C-alpha atoms as a PDB file:
ATOM      1  CA  MET A   1      -0.158  -0.128   0.193  1.00  0.00           C
ATOM      2  CA  ILE A   2       1.159   3.698  -0.754  1.00  0.00           C
ATOM      3  CA  GLY A   3       1.478   5.721   2.287  1.00  0.00           C
ATOM      4  CA  SER A   4       1.087  10.035   2.283  1.00  0.00           C
ATOM      5  CA  LYS A   5       5.035  10.336   2.483  1.00  0.00           C
ATOM      6  CA  GLN A   6       4.983   8.145  -0.946  1.00  0.00           C
ATOM      7  CA  ILE A   7       2.778   9.853  -2.156  1.00  0.00           C
ATOM      8  CA  ASP A   8       4.123  13.926  -1.142  1.00  0.00           C
ATOM      9  CA  LYS A   9       7.405  12.662  -3.559  1.00  0.00           C
ATOM     10  CA  ILE A  10       5.613  11.731  -6.721  1.00  0.00           C
ATOM     11  CA  MET A  11       6.148  14.524  -9.428  1.00  0.00           C
ATOM     12  CA  CYS A  12       2.722  16.442 -10.496  1.00  0.00           C
ATOM     13  CA  ILE A  13       1.762  16.186 -13.978  1.00  0.00           C
ATOM     14  CA  ALA A  14       0.126  18.827 -15.097  1.00  0.00           C
ATOM     15  CA  CYS A  15       3.246  20.572 -13.863  1.00  0.00           C
ATOM     16  CA  GLN A  16       6.234  19.281 -12.629  1.00  0.00           C
ATOM     17  CA  SER A  17       6.489  19.975  -9.279  1.00  0.00           C
ATOM     18  CA  LEU A  18       6.296  17.404  -6.477  1.00  0.00           C
ATOM     19  CA  ILE A  19       3.730  16.888  -4.723  1.00  0.00           C
ATOM     20  CA  GLY A  20       4.032  17.502  -1.272  1.00  0.00           C
ATOM     21  CA  GLU A  21       4.527  20.795  -2.231  1.00  0.00           C
ATOM     22  CA  HIS A  22       1.044  21.578  -3.665  1.00  0.00           C
ATOM     23  CA  SER A  23      -1.182  23.724  -0.978  1.00  0.00           C
ATOM     24  CA  LYS A  24      -4.663  22.691  -1.220  1.00  0.00           C
ATOM     25  CA  LYS A  25      -5.529  25.587  -4.296  1.00  0.00           C
ATOM     26  CA  ASN A  26      -2.843  24.036  -6.249  1.00  0.00           C
ATOM     27  CA  LEU A  27      -3.559  20.563  -5.896  1.00  0.00           C
ATOM     28  CA  GLY A  28      -7.458  21.553  -6.683  1.00  0.00           C
ATOM     29  CA  ARG A  29      -5.441  23.500  -9.603  1.00  0.00           C
ATOM     30  CA  CYS A  30      -3.959  20.627 -11.133  1.00  0.00           C
ATOM     31  CA  LEU A  31      -6.157  17.877 -10.639  1.00  0.00           C
ATOM     32  CA  PHE A  32      -8.841  19.931 -12.473  1.00  0.00           C
ATOM     33  CA  ARG A  33      -6.116  19.944 -15.415  1.00  0.00           C
ATOM     34  CA  VAL A  34      -5.158  16.593 -15.770  1.00  0.00           C
ATOM     35  CA  GLN A  35      -8.911  15.619 -15.589  1.00  0.00           C
ATOM     36  CA  GLY A  36      -9.887  18.373 -18.034  1.00  0.00           C
ATOM     37  CA  THR A  37      -7.267  16.232 -20.415  1.00  0.00           C
ATOM     38  CA  MET A  38      -7.915  13.314 -19.957  1.00  0.00           C
ATOM     39  CA  ILE A  39     -11.514  13.588 -20.703  1.00  0.00           C
ATOM     40  CA  ALA A  40     -11.106  15.493 -23.801  1.00  0.00           C
ATOM     41  CA  GLU A  41      -8.784  12.958 -25.225  1.00  0.00           C
ATOM     42  CA  GLY A  42     -10.740   9.890 -24.355  1.00  0.00           C
ATOM     43  CA  LYS A  43     -14.172  11.998 -25.696  1.00  0.00           C
ATOM     44  CA  SER A  44     -11.759  12.489 -29.298  1.00  0.00           C
ATOM     45  CA  GLN A  45     -11.217   7.880 -29.751  1.00  0.00           C
ATOM     46  CA  VAL A  46     -15.372   7.978 -28.522  1.00  0.00           C
ATOM     47  CA  ASP A  47     -16.058   9.958 -31.689  1.00  0.00           C
ATOM     48  CA  GLU A  48     -13.121   8.581 -33.944  1.00  0.00           C
ATOM     49  CA  LYS A  49     -14.696   4.921 -32.441  1.00  0.00           C
ATOM     50  CA  MET A  50     -18.442   5.977 -33.592  1.00  0.00           C
ATOM     51  CA  SER A  51     -18.018   7.988 -36.841  1.00  0.00           C
ATOM     52  CA  LYS A  52     -17.988   4.384 -38.041  1.00  0.00           C
ATOM     53  CA  TYR A  53     -21.696   3.749 -37.301  1.00  0.00           C
ATOM     54  CA  LYS A  54     -23.159   6.962 -37.967  1.00  0.00           C
ATOM     55  CA  SER A  55     -24.816   7.956 -40.815  1.00  0.00           C
ATOM     56  CA  PRO A  56     -25.003   9.151 -44.279  1.00  0.00           C
ATOM     57  CA  LYS A  57     -25.540  12.370 -44.604  1.00  0.00           C
ATOM     58  CA  PHE A  58     -28.546  13.413 -45.825  1.00  0.00           C
ATOM     59  CA  VAL A  59     -29.126  15.282 -49.029  1.00  0.00           C
ATOM     60  CA  PRO A  60     -32.263  15.835 -49.864  1.00  0.00           C
ATOM     61  CA  GLN A  61     -33.155  15.659 -53.381  1.00  0.00           C
ATOM     62  CA  GLU A  62     -34.990  18.536 -56.096  1.00  0.00           C
ATOM     63  CA  ALA A  63     -38.931  17.607 -56.089  1.00  0.00           C
ATOM     64  CA  SER A  64     -39.921  16.692 -59.092  1.00  0.00           C
ATOM     65  CA  LYS A  65     -42.113  18.472 -61.697  1.00  0.00           C
END
């Protein structure tokens, strides 16, 4: 199991400083940045996978006279 002293020595991937050096406010900012990045990347991957299921674009034809 990992303890809080070990977590304090891990580098933050959002700002490249140690997690133990973060204030609560800065830790929240970094977590928000990482979460936003993960969501954005996940959305683009889902969009790519779902594109094969999209129906073809509807092209209206002129009404016959």
